[in-house]
Amino acid sequence: MKHQTITLPALKQAVSDELARRKERRYARPTGAAQYLGVSLATLWRWNAERDDFPRPRKIGPRATVWDLNEIDAWLDAQQAK
């Protein structure tokens, strides 16, 4: 395995970019959230109903629901840690 050397300014920039990305809210409608997770729409809604630890959707209008993709990323990280 070959090691790559990274300069301190480049490392600081990479960390800064990642932190900015995590603070930036990314939302997806149900179909997009299901595609993001690689599951069916039915599975997405079932997880929402049955899993207490699954991120909750937000209503942004009378007929519009979205999931925060940052919360989904955090949930996926927690699932991998188990």
Protein backbone atom coordinates (compact mmCIF):
# COMPACT_ATOMS: atom_id res chain seq x y z
CA MET A 1 0.00 0.00 0.00
CA LYS A 2 1.45 3.33 -1.06
CA HIS A 3 1.15 6.22 1.39
CA GLN A 4 0.11 9.63 0.16
CA THR A 5 1.53 12.78 1.71
CA ILE A 6 -0.87 15.64 2.22
CA THR A 7 0.16 19.15 3.21
CA LEU A 8 -1.30 20.80 6.28
CA PRO A 9 -3.10 23.56 4.32
CA ALA A 10 -4.68 20.93 2.05
CA LEU A 11 -5.77 18.91 5.07
CA LYS A 12 -7.28 22.00 6.72
CA GLN A 13 -9.15 22.81 3.50
CA ALA A 14 -10.47 19.25 3.20
CA VAL A 15 -11.71 19.30 6.79
CA SER A 16 -13.28 22.72 6.28
CA ASP A 17 -15.04 21.54 3.10
CA GLU A 18 -16.37 18.44 4.85
CA LEU A 19 -17.69 20.45 7.80
CA ALA A 20 -19.37 22.91 5.43
CA ARG A 21 -20.95 20.01 3.54
CA ARG A 22 -22.33 18.55 6.74
CA LYS A 23 -23.85 21.87 7.78
CA GLU A 24 -25.42 22.38 4.37
CA ARG A 25 -28.93 20.98 4.48
CA ARG A 26 -29.69 18.52 1.71
CA TYR A 27 -33.27 17.36 1.29
CA ALA A 28 -34.89 14.71 -0.87
CA ARG A 29 -38.48 13.86 -1.60
CA PRO A 30 -39.51 10.26 -0.76
CA THR A 31 -38.55 8.84 -4.16
CA GLY A 32 -35.14 10.53 -4.04
CA ALA A 33 -34.54 9.41 -0.45
CA ALA A 34 -35.39 5.82 -1.38
CA GLN A 35 -33.02 5.95 -4.35
CA TYR A 36 -30.31 7.50 -2.14
CA LEU A 37 -30.66 4.56 0.27
CA GLY A 38 -30.97 1.99 -2.52
CA VAL A 39 -34.33 0.71 -1.26
CA SER A 40 -37.88 0.74 -2.56
CA LEU A 41 -40.35 3.47 -1.71
CA ALA A 42 -42.36 0.93 0.32
CA THR A 43 -39.27 0.04 2.36
CA LEU A 44 -38.56 3.71 3.05
CA TRP A 45 -42.07 4.23 4.43
CA ARG A 46 -41.94 0.94 6.38
CA TRP A 47 -38.65 1.95 8.01
CA ASN A 48 -40.23 5.29 8.88
CA ALA A 49 -43.15 3.51 10.55
CA GLU A 50 -41.29 0.65 12.25
CA ARG A 51 -37.78 1.87 13.13
CA ASP A 52 -37.52 4.28 16.02
CA ASP A 53 -33.96 5.26 15.07
CA PHE A 54 -34.75 6.05 11.41
CA PRO A 55 -34.71 9.78 10.53
CA ARG A 56 -38.14 11.37 10.43
CA PRO A 57 -39.41 13.17 7.34
CA ARG A 58 -40.47 16.80 7.39
CA LYS A 59 -43.62 18.25 5.91
CA ILE A 60 -42.71 21.33 3.87
CA GLY A 61 -46.20 21.83 2.50
CA PRO A 62 -49.63 20.24 2.53
CA ARG A 63 -48.58 17.68 -0.08
CA ALA A 64 -44.79 17.73 0.17
CA THR A 65 -42.62 15.60 2.44
CA VAL A 66 -38.80 15.53 2.50
CA TRP A 67 -36.02 13.72 4.31
CA ASP A 68 -32.83 15.45 5.43
CA LEU A 69 -30.01 13.56 3.69
CA ASN A 70 -27.53 14.64 6.38
CA GLU A 71 -29.68 12.83 8.95
CA ILE A 72 -29.83 9.79 6.67
CA ASP A 73 -26.01 9.86 6.34
CA ALA A 74 -25.67 10.00 10.14
CA TRP A 75 -28.13 7.11 10.49
CA LEU A 76 -26.19 5.05 7.93
CA ASP A 77 -22.94 5.73 9.80
CA ALA A 78 -24.60 4.60 13.05
CA GLN A 79 -25.84 1.41 11.35
CA GLN A 80 -22.34 0.58 10.13
CA ALA A 81 -20.92 1.15 13.62
CA LYS A 82 -23.24 -1.50 15.11
